[in-house]
Amino acid sequence: MGEDDVFRFLTTTAALVYAGGVASLALALTRAWQTDDAIERDVLFRSADRAHTRMLLPGIIATGVLGAIWGIRADGVDPIETGWLLAVEVLYLISLFVLVPGMFAGVRRVRLLSLQARKTGNISEELTDALNDRGPLVFAVLMVILLPVQAALVTLQP
């Protein structure tokens, strides 16, 4: 087993953790907006928050770091001049610095407001508005769309 095989295995594993985080977060957010029960929504938002911090963030960071190291050390592949690899890098940076923070902001806002509601014992209007906000779901769907595009670019290397 050579270095390429080790990097391929580690990068693939990290990408699967990243994909699992995106899928579990998107499913939790989708289910949250399909229910009218505020308590169930709160539970689903907490589930989305856990998926974000336990799977999505470690997976996307590990995928980026391992993929960059693997790409840099590969013979004959220049990460800047190779068009498909540059496209993968740009999509990755968009995911990491635009979509992940966009999702995180909405989910974290609901999480903090629900903690306040539990402490005070009543649901505020701000929490109701945050539960009805579909912003995190939009960011999650965009990540679900970008992930197969990135995988196809890496796999096919056009």
N, C-alpha and C. Protein backbone atom coordinates (compact mmCIF):
# COMPACT_ATOMS: atom_id res chain seq x y z
N MET A 1 0.86 -1.18 0.00
CA MET A 1 0.00 0.00 0.00
C MET A 1 0.90 1.23 0.00
N GLY A 2 0.79 2.04 -1.05
CA GLY A 2 1.61 3.22 -1.20
C GLY A 2 0.98 4.45 -0.58
N GLU A 3 1.72 5.56 -0.69
CA GLU A 3 1.22 6.82 -0.14
C GLU A 3 -0.06 7.27 -0.82
N ASP A 4 -0.14 7.08 -2.14
CA ASP A 4 -1.34 7.46 -2.86
C ASP A 4 -2.57 6.72 -2.34
N ASP A 5 -2.41 5.45 -2.06
CA ASP A 5 -3.53 4.66 -1.54
C ASP A 5 -3.96 5.14 -0.16
N VAL A 6 -2.99 5.50 0.67
CA VAL A 6 -3.31 5.99 2.01
C VAL A 6 -4.06 7.32 1.92
N PHE A 7 -3.56 8.24 1.07
CA PHE A 7 -4.24 9.53 0.91
C PHE A 7 -5.63 9.35 0.30
N ARG A 8 -5.75 8.45 -0.66
CA ARG A 8 -7.05 8.18 -1.28
C ARG A 8 -8.03 7.67 -0.23
N PHE A 9 -7.59 6.73 0.62
CA PHE A 9 -8.45 6.19 1.67
C PHE A 9 -8.86 7.26 2.67
N LEU A 10 -7.89 8.03 3.16
CA LEU A 10 -8.19 9.05 4.17
C LEU A 10 -9.09 10.15 3.60
N THR A 11 -8.81 10.58 2.38
CA THR A 11 -9.61 11.63 1.76
C THR A 11 -11.03 11.13 1.49
N THR A 12 -11.16 9.90 1.04
CA THR A 12 -12.48 9.32 0.79
C THR A 12 -13.27 9.18 2.09
N THR A 13 -12.61 8.74 3.14
CA THR A 13 -13.27 8.61 4.44
C THR A 13 -13.73 9.98 4.94
N ALA A 14 -12.87 10.99 4.83
CA ALA A 14 -13.24 12.34 5.25
C ALA A 14 -14.40 12.87 4.41
N ALA A 15 -14.37 12.60 3.11
CA ALA A 15 -15.46 13.05 2.24
C ALA A 15 -16.78 12.37 2.59
N LEU A 16 -16.72 11.10 2.99
CA LEU A 16 -17.94 10.41 3.40
C LEU A 16 -18.49 10.97 4.71
N VAL A 17 -17.61 11.33 5.63
CA VAL A 17 -18.06 11.97 6.88
C VAL A 17 -18.70 13.33 6.56
N TYR A 18 -18.08 14.07 5.66
CA TYR A 18 -18.60 15.37 5.21
C TYR A 18 -19.98 15.18 4.58
N ALA A 19 -20.11 14.20 3.67
CA ALA A 19 -21.39 13.94 3.02
C ALA A 19 -22.45 13.49 4.03
N GLY A 20 -22.04 12.68 4.99
CA GLY A 20 -22.97 12.26 6.04
C GLY A 20 -23.45 13.42 6.88
N GLY A 21 -22.55 14.35 7.18
CA GLY A 21 -22.93 15.54 7.93
C GLY A 21 -23.90 16.42 7.16
N VAL A 22 -23.63 16.59 5.86
CA VAL A 22 -24.54 17.39 5.03
C VAL A 22 -25.90 16.72 4.96
N ALA A 23 -25.91 15.40 4.75
CA ALA A 23 -27.19 14.68 4.63
C ALA A 23 -27.98 14.72 5.93
N SER A 24 -27.33 14.46 7.06
CA SER A 24 -28.08 14.45 8.33
C SER A 24 -28.56 15.84 8.70
N LEU A 25 -27.78 16.85 8.41
CA LEU A 25 -28.21 18.22 8.69
C LEU A 25 -29.37 18.61 7.79
N ALA A 26 -29.27 18.30 6.50
CA ALA A 26 -30.34 18.66 5.57
C ALA A 26 -31.64 17.92 5.89
N LEU A 27 -31.53 16.65 6.28
CA LEU A 27 -32.72 15.89 6.64
C LEU A 27 -33.38 16.43 7.91
N ALA A 28 -32.56 16.78 8.89
CA ALA A 28 -33.13 17.33 10.14
C ALA A 28 -33.81 18.67 9.87
N LEU A 29 -33.19 19.52 9.06
CA LEU A 29 -33.80 20.81 8.75
C LEU A 29 -35.08 20.64 7.93
N THR A 30 -35.07 19.71 6.99
CA THR A 30 -36.27 19.46 6.18
C THR A 30 -37.42 18.97 7.05
N ARG A 31 -37.12 18.05 7.94
CA ARG A 31 -38.16 17.54 8.84
C ARG A 31 -38.65 18.64 9.78
N ALA A 32 -37.76 19.55 10.20
CA ALA A 32 -38.16 20.63 11.10
C ALA A 32 -39.18 21.54 10.46
N TRP A 33 -39.05 21.80 9.17
CA TRP A 33 -40.00 22.70 8.52
C TRP A 33 -41.25 21.98 8.04
N GLN A 34 -41.29 20.67 8.16
CA GLN A 34 -42.49 19.94 7.79
C GLN A 34 -43.44 19.75 8.96
N THR A 35 -43.00 20.06 10.15
CA THR A 35 -43.86 19.89 11.32
C THR A 35 -44.30 21.25 11.85
N ASP A 36 -45.45 21.25 12.48
CA ASP A 36 -45.96 22.49 13.08
C ASP A 36 -45.70 22.55 14.57
N ASP A 37 -45.25 21.45 15.17
CA ASP A 37 -45.01 21.38 16.61
C ASP A 37 -43.68 22.07 16.94
N ALA A 38 -43.72 23.09 17.77
CA ALA A 38 -42.52 23.86 18.11
C ALA A 38 -41.51 23.03 18.89
N ILE A 39 -41.98 22.14 19.74
CA ILE A 39 -41.07 21.30 20.53
C ILE A 39 -40.33 20.32 19.63
N GLU A 40 -41.06 19.73 18.68
CA GLU A 40 -40.41 18.80 17.74
C GLU A 40 -39.41 19.55 16.86
N ARG A 41 -39.76 20.76 16.45
CA ARG A 41 -38.82 21.58 15.68
C ARG A 41 -37.55 21.85 16.47
N ASP A 42 -37.72 22.15 17.74
CA ASP A 42 -36.56 22.41 18.60
C ASP A 42 -35.66 21.19 18.68
N VAL A 43 -36.25 20.02 18.84
CA VAL A 43 -35.47 18.78 18.90
C VAL A 43 -34.74 18.56 17.58
N LEU A 44 -35.40 18.80 16.47
CA LEU A 44 -34.78 18.61 15.17
C LEU A 44 -33.66 19.63 14.92
N PHE A 45 -33.84 20.86 15.39
CA PHE A 45 -32.77 21.85 15.27
C PHE A 45 -31.56 21.47 16.11
N ARG A 46 -31.81 20.90 17.29
CA ARG A 46 -30.69 20.43 18.10
C ARG A 46 -29.97 19.28 17.41
N SER A 47 -30.73 18.42 16.75
CA SER A 47 -30.13 17.34 15.97
C SER A 47 -29.29 17.90 14.82
N ALA A 48 -29.80 18.92 14.16
CA ALA A 48 -29.04 19.56 13.07
C ALA A 48 -27.77 20.22 13.61
N ASP A 49 -27.87 20.81 14.78
CA ASP A 49 -26.69 21.44 15.39
C ASP A 49 -25.63 20.39 15.71
N ARG A 50 -26.05 19.25 16.24
CA ARG A 50 -25.09 18.18 16.52
C ARG A 50 -24.46 17.64 15.25
N ALA A 51 -25.25 17.47 14.19
CA ALA A 51 -24.71 16.99 12.92
C ALA A 51 -23.71 17.99 12.36
N HIS A 52 -23.98 19.25 12.56
CA HIS A 52 -23.09 20.30 12.06
C HIS A 52 -21.74 20.25 12.76
N THR A 53 -21.77 20.16 14.09
CA THR A 53 -20.51 20.23 14.83
C THR A 53 -19.78 18.90 14.92
N ARG A 54 -20.49 17.79 14.83
CA ARG A 54 -19.83 16.49 14.99
C ARG A 54 -19.44 15.82 13.69
N MET A 55 -20.12 16.14 12.59
CA MET A 55 -19.82 15.47 11.32
C MET A 55 -19.43 16.44 10.22
N LEU A 56 -20.25 17.46 10.01
CA LEU A 56 -20.03 18.35 8.87
C LEU A 56 -18.72 19.12 8.98
N LEU A 57 -18.51 19.80 10.09
CA LEU A 57 -17.28 20.60 10.23
C LEU A 57 -16.00 19.75 10.19
N PRO A 58 -15.89 18.68 11.00
CA PRO A 58 -14.67 17.88 10.89
C PRO A 58 -14.49 17.26 9.51
N GLY A 59 -15.59 16.84 8.89
CA GLY A 59 -15.51 16.22 7.58
C GLY A 59 -15.05 17.18 6.50
N ILE A 60 -15.61 18.40 6.49
CA ILE A 60 -15.24 19.35 5.45
C ILE A 60 -13.81 19.85 5.64
N ILE A 61 -13.40 20.04 6.88
CA ILE A 61 -12.02 20.48 7.13
C ILE A 61 -11.03 19.39 6.76
N ALA A 62 -11.30 18.16 7.19
CA ALA A 62 -10.40 17.05 6.87
C ALA A 62 -10.34 16.79 5.37
N THR A 63 -11.48 16.89 4.69
CA THR A 63 -11.50 16.69 3.24
C THR A 63 -10.65 17.74 2.54
N GLY A 64 -10.78 18.98 2.96
CA GLY A 64 -9.99 20.05 2.34
C GLY A 64 -8.51 19.90 2.58
N VAL A 65 -8.13 19.62 3.81
CA VAL A 65 -6.71 19.51 4.15
C VAL A 65 -6.09 18.29 3.45
N LEU A 66 -6.74 17.14 3.61
CA LEU A 66 -6.19 15.92 2.99
C LEU A 66 -6.19 16.01 1.47
N GLY A 67 -7.26 16.56 0.90
CA GLY A 67 -7.32 16.70 -0.55
C GLY A 67 -6.25 17.64 -1.07
N ALA A 68 -6.01 18.73 -0.35
CA ALA A 68 -4.97 19.67 -0.77
C ALA A 68 -3.59 19.04 -0.70
N ILE A 69 -3.32 18.33 0.39
CA ILE A 69 -2.01 17.67 0.52
C ILE A 69 -1.85 16.60 -0.56
N TRP A 70 -2.89 15.84 -0.78
CA TRP A 70 -2.84 14.80 -1.81
C TRP A 70 -2.63 15.41 -3.19
N GLY A 71 -3.34 16.51 -3.48
CA GLY A 71 -3.20 17.16 -4.78
C GLY A 71 -1.84 17.80 -4.98
N ILE A 72 -1.29 18.39 -3.93
CA ILE A 72 0.01 19.06 -4.04
C ILE A 72 1.13 18.05 -4.24
N ARG A 73 1.05 16.93 -3.52
CA ARG A 73 2.14 15.97 -3.61
C ARG A 73 2.03 15.06 -4.83
N ALA A 74 0.89 15.07 -5.52
CA ALA A 74 0.72 14.23 -6.70
C ALA A 74 1.63 14.73 -7.83
N ASP A 75 2.21 13.82 -8.53
CA ASP A 75 3.10 14.17 -9.63
C ASP A 75 2.30 14.63 -10.84
N GLY A 76 2.73 15.72 -11.42
CA GLY A 76 2.13 16.20 -12.65
C GLY A 76 0.81 16.91 -12.50
N VAL A 77 0.40 17.22 -11.29
CA VAL A 77 -0.87 17.92 -11.09
C VAL A 77 -0.56 19.24 -10.41
N ASP A 78 -0.80 20.33 -11.12
CA ASP A 78 -0.63 21.66 -10.55
C ASP A 78 -2.00 22.15 -10.10
N PRO A 79 -2.19 22.40 -8.80
CA PRO A 79 -3.52 22.75 -8.30
C PRO A 79 -4.06 24.07 -8.84
N ILE A 80 -3.20 24.93 -9.37
CA ILE A 80 -3.65 26.21 -9.89
C ILE A 80 -3.93 26.12 -11.40
N GLU A 81 -3.04 25.49 -12.14
CA GLU A 81 -3.18 25.46 -13.59
C GLU A 81 -4.14 24.38 -14.08
N THR A 82 -4.42 23.38 -13.29
CA THR A 82 -5.35 22.33 -13.68
C THR A 82 -6.77 22.86 -13.47
N GLY A 83 -7.52 22.99 -14.54
CA GLY A 83 -8.84 23.62 -14.48
C GLY A 83 -9.83 22.90 -13.59
N TRP A 84 -9.91 21.58 -13.68
CA TRP A 84 -10.90 20.85 -12.89
C TRP A 84 -10.57 20.93 -11.41
N LEU A 85 -9.26 20.91 -11.08
CA LEU A 85 -8.88 20.98 -9.68
C LEU A 85 -9.12 22.38 -9.12
N LEU A 86 -8.90 23.39 -9.93
CA LEU A 86 -9.19 24.76 -9.52
C LEU A 86 -10.69 24.93 -9.26
N ALA A 87 -11.51 24.31 -10.12
CA ALA A 87 -12.97 24.38 -9.92
C ALA A 87 -13.36 23.70 -8.62
N VAL A 88 -12.75 22.56 -8.31
CA VAL A 88 -13.04 21.86 -7.06
C VAL A 88 -12.64 22.73 -5.87
N GLU A 89 -11.49 23.37 -5.96
CA GLU A 89 -11.03 24.24 -4.87
C GLU A 89 -11.97 25.41 -4.66
N VAL A 90 -12.43 26.03 -5.74
CA VAL A 90 -13.34 27.17 -5.63
C VAL A 90 -14.67 26.73 -5.01
N LEU A 91 -15.21 25.60 -5.46
CA LEU A 91 -16.46 25.09 -4.88
C LEU A 91 -16.29 24.74 -3.41
N TYR A 92 -15.14 24.17 -3.08
CA TYR A 92 -14.85 23.84 -1.68
C TYR A 92 -14.81 25.11 -0.83
N LEU A 93 -14.13 26.14 -1.31
CA LEU A 93 -14.03 27.38 -0.54
C LEU A 93 -15.39 28.05 -0.39
N ILE A 94 -16.22 27.98 -1.42
CA ILE A 94 -17.58 28.51 -1.31
C ILE A 94 -18.36 27.76 -0.24
N SER A 95 -18.22 26.43 -0.26
CA SER A 95 -18.91 25.62 0.76
C SER A 95 -18.42 25.96 2.15
N LEU A 96 -17.10 26.05 2.30
CA LEU A 96 -16.51 26.25 3.63
C LEU A 96 -16.75 27.64 4.19
N PHE A 97 -16.65 28.66 3.34
CA PHE A 97 -16.69 30.04 3.86
C PHE A 97 -18.01 30.78 3.62
N VAL A 98 -18.92 30.20 2.84
CA VAL A 98 -20.21 30.85 2.62
C VAL A 98 -21.36 29.98 3.13
N LEU A 99 -21.42 28.74 2.65
CA LEU A 99 -22.58 27.90 2.96
C LEU A 99 -22.58 27.38 4.39
N VAL A 100 -21.43 26.89 4.86
CA VAL A 100 -21.38 26.36 6.23
C VAL A 100 -21.68 27.46 7.26
N PRO A 101 -21.06 28.65 7.17
CA PRO A 101 -21.42 29.70 8.13
C PRO A 101 -22.88 30.15 8.01
N GLY A 102 -23.42 30.15 6.79
CA GLY A 102 -24.82 30.53 6.62
C GLY A 102 -25.76 29.58 7.33
N MET A 103 -25.48 28.28 7.18
CA MET A 103 -26.28 27.28 7.90
C MET A 103 -26.09 27.40 9.40
N PHE A 104 -24.85 27.53 9.79
CA PHE A 104 -24.51 27.56 11.22
C PHE A 104 -25.18 28.73 11.93
N ALA A 105 -25.22 29.89 11.28
CA ALA A 105 -25.81 31.07 11.92
C ALA A 105 -27.29 30.85 12.23
N GLY A 106 -28.03 30.31 11.28
CA GLY A 106 -29.45 30.09 11.51
C GLY A 106 -29.74 29.01 12.54
N VAL A 107 -28.99 27.92 12.46
CA VAL A 107 -29.20 26.81 13.40
C VAL A 107 -28.80 27.23 14.81
N ARG A 108 -27.69 27.94 14.93
CA ARG A 108 -27.21 28.37 16.25
C ARG A 108 -28.17 29.39 16.87
N ARG A 109 -28.74 30.25 16.04
CA ARG A 109 -29.69 31.24 16.53
C ARG A 109 -30.90 30.54 17.17
N VAL A 110 -31.44 29.54 16.48
CA VAL A 110 -32.57 28.79 17.02
C VAL A 110 -32.15 28.08 18.29
N ARG A 111 -30.97 27.51 18.29
CA ARG A 111 -30.49 26.77 19.47
C ARG A 111 -30.42 27.68 20.70
N LEU A 112 -29.85 28.87 20.53
CA LEU A 112 -29.74 29.80 21.66
C LEU A 112 -31.10 30.31 22.13
N LEU A 113 -31.97 30.62 21.18
CA LEU A 113 -33.31 31.09 21.55
C LEU A 113 -34.12 30.00 22.23
N SER A 114 -33.93 28.75 21.81
CA SER A 114 -34.66 27.66 22.47
C SER A 114 -34.14 27.42 23.88
N LEU A 115 -32.84 27.61 24.09
CA LEU A 115 -32.31 27.51 25.46
C LEU A 115 -32.90 28.59 26.35
N GLN A 116 -33.03 29.81 25.81
CA GLN A 116 -33.65 30.89 26.57
C GLN A 116 -35.12 30.56 26.87
N ALA A 117 -35.82 30.00 25.89
CA ALA A 117 -37.23 29.66 26.09
C ALA A 117 -37.39 28.58 27.15
N ARG A 118 -36.48 27.63 27.19
CA ARG A 118 -36.56 26.59 28.22
C ARG A 118 -36.33 27.18 29.60
N LYS A 119 -35.43 28.15 29.66
CA LYS A 119 -35.12 28.75 30.97
C LYS A 119 -36.29 29.62 31.46
N THR A 120 -36.90 30.39 30.56
CA THR A 120 -38.00 31.27 30.96
C THR A 120 -39.34 30.54 31.02
N GLY A 121 -39.47 29.47 30.25
CA GLY A 121 -40.71 28.70 30.28
C GLY A 121 -41.73 29.10 29.25
N ASN A 122 -41.42 30.10 28.40
CA ASN A 122 -42.37 30.46 27.34
C ASN A 122 -41.62 30.72 26.03
N ILE A 123 -42.31 30.47 24.92
CA ILE A 123 -41.71 30.62 23.59
C ILE A 123 -41.88 32.06 23.14
N SER A 124 -40.77 32.69 22.84
CA SER A 124 -40.81 34.09 22.41
C SER A 124 -41.18 34.19 20.94
N GLU A 125 -41.58 35.37 20.54
CA GLU A 125 -41.91 35.62 19.13
C GLU A 125 -40.66 35.51 18.26
N GLU A 126 -39.53 35.90 18.83
CA GLU A 126 -38.26 35.80 18.10
C GLU A 126 -37.91 34.34 17.81
N LEU A 127 -38.18 33.45 18.76
CA LEU A 127 -37.93 32.02 18.54
C LEU A 127 -38.87 31.47 17.47
N THR A 128 -40.12 31.88 17.49
CA THR A 128 -41.07 31.44 16.48
C THR A 128 -40.63 31.88 15.09
N ASP A 129 -40.17 33.14 14.99
CA ASP A 129 -39.66 33.63 13.71
C ASP A 129 -38.42 32.85 13.26
N ALA A 130 -37.54 32.56 14.20
CA ALA A 130 -36.32 31.81 13.87
C ALA A 130 -36.66 30.38 13.44
N LEU A 131 -37.66 29.77 14.07
CA LEU A 131 -38.07 28.42 13.68
C LEU A 131 -38.69 28.40 12.29
N ASN A 132 -39.32 29.49 11.90
CA ASN A 132 -39.95 29.57 10.58
C ASN A 132 -38.99 30.02 9.48
N ASP A 133 -37.81 30.46 9.84
CA ASP A 133 -36.83 30.92 8.87
C ASP A 133 -36.28 29.74 8.07
N ARG A 134 -36.31 29.83 6.76
CA ARG A 134 -35.85 28.74 5.91
C ARG A 134 -34.43 28.95 5.39
N GLY A 135 -33.73 29.94 5.88
CA GLY A 135 -32.38 30.23 5.43
C GLY A 135 -31.40 29.07 5.56
N PRO A 136 -31.31 28.44 6.74
CA PRO A 136 -30.39 27.31 6.86
C PRO A 136 -30.70 26.16 5.90
N LEU A 137 -31.99 25.94 5.63
CA LEU A 137 -32.36 24.88 4.69
C LEU A 137 -31.89 25.21 3.27
N VAL A 138 -31.96 26.47 2.89
CA VAL A 138 -31.48 26.88 1.57
C VAL A 138 -29.98 26.61 1.45
N PHE A 139 -29.22 26.98 2.47
CA PHE A 139 -27.77 26.72 2.46
C PHE A 139 -27.49 25.22 2.43
N ALA A 140 -28.28 24.44 3.17
CA ALA A 140 -28.09 22.99 3.18
C ALA A 140 -28.37 22.39 1.80
N VAL A 141 -29.42 22.85 1.15
CA VAL A 141 -29.74 22.33 -0.19
C VAL A 141 -28.64 22.71 -1.18
N LEU A 142 -28.12 23.91 -1.08
CA LEU A 142 -27.01 24.29 -1.96
C LEU A 142 -25.79 23.40 -1.74
N MET A 143 -25.52 23.04 -0.48
CA MET A 143 -24.40 22.12 -0.21
C MET A 143 -24.69 20.74 -0.77
N VAL A 144 -25.94 20.29 -0.67
CA VAL A 144 -26.32 18.99 -1.23
C VAL A 144 -26.12 19.00 -2.75
N ILE A 145 -26.36 20.11 -3.39
CA ILE A 145 -26.17 20.22 -4.84
C ILE A 145 -24.68 20.28 -5.19
N LEU A 146 -23.90 21.04 -4.42
CA LEU A 146 -22.47 21.20 -4.74
C LEU A 146 -21.64 19.95 -4.47
N LEU A 147 -22.03 19.17 -3.50
CA LEU A 147 -21.23 18.00 -3.12
C LEU A 147 -21.07 16.99 -4.26
N PRO A 148 -22.13 16.59 -4.97
CA PRO A 148 -21.93 15.66 -6.10
C PRO A 148 -21.14 16.29 -7.25
N VAL A 149 -21.28 17.59 -7.42
CA VAL A 149 -20.51 18.27 -8.47
C VAL A 149 -19.02 18.19 -8.15
N GLN A 150 -18.68 18.44 -6.90
CA GLN A 150 -17.28 18.33 -6.48
C GLN A 150 -16.77 16.90 -6.64
N ALA A 151 -17.57 15.94 -6.22
CA ALA A 151 -17.16 14.53 -6.33
C ALA A 151 -16.99 14.13 -7.79
N ALA A 152 -17.87 14.60 -8.66
CA ALA A 152 -17.75 14.28 -10.08
C ALA A 152 -16.50 14.90 -10.69
N LEU A 153 -16.19 16.12 -10.30
CA LEU A 153 -14.97 16.76 -10.83
C LEU A 153 -13.71 16.02 -10.39
N VAL A 154 -13.69 15.57 -9.14
CA VAL A 154 -12.52 14.84 -8.65
C VAL A 154 -12.43 13.46 -9.31
N THR A 155 -13.57 12.81 -9.44
CA THR A 155 -13.58 11.45 -9.97
C THR A 155 -13.29 11.42 -11.47
N LEU A 156 -13.96 12.29 -12.22
CA LEU A 156 -13.84 12.26 -13.68
C LEU A 156 -12.59 12.98 -14.20
N GLN A 157 -12.13 13.98 -13.49
CA GLN A 157 -10.97 14.78 -13.88
C GLN A 157 -11.01 15.15 -15.37
N PRO A 158 -12.01 15.94 -15.77
CA PRO A 158 -12.19 16.24 -17.20
C PRO A 158 -11.01 16.95 -17.84
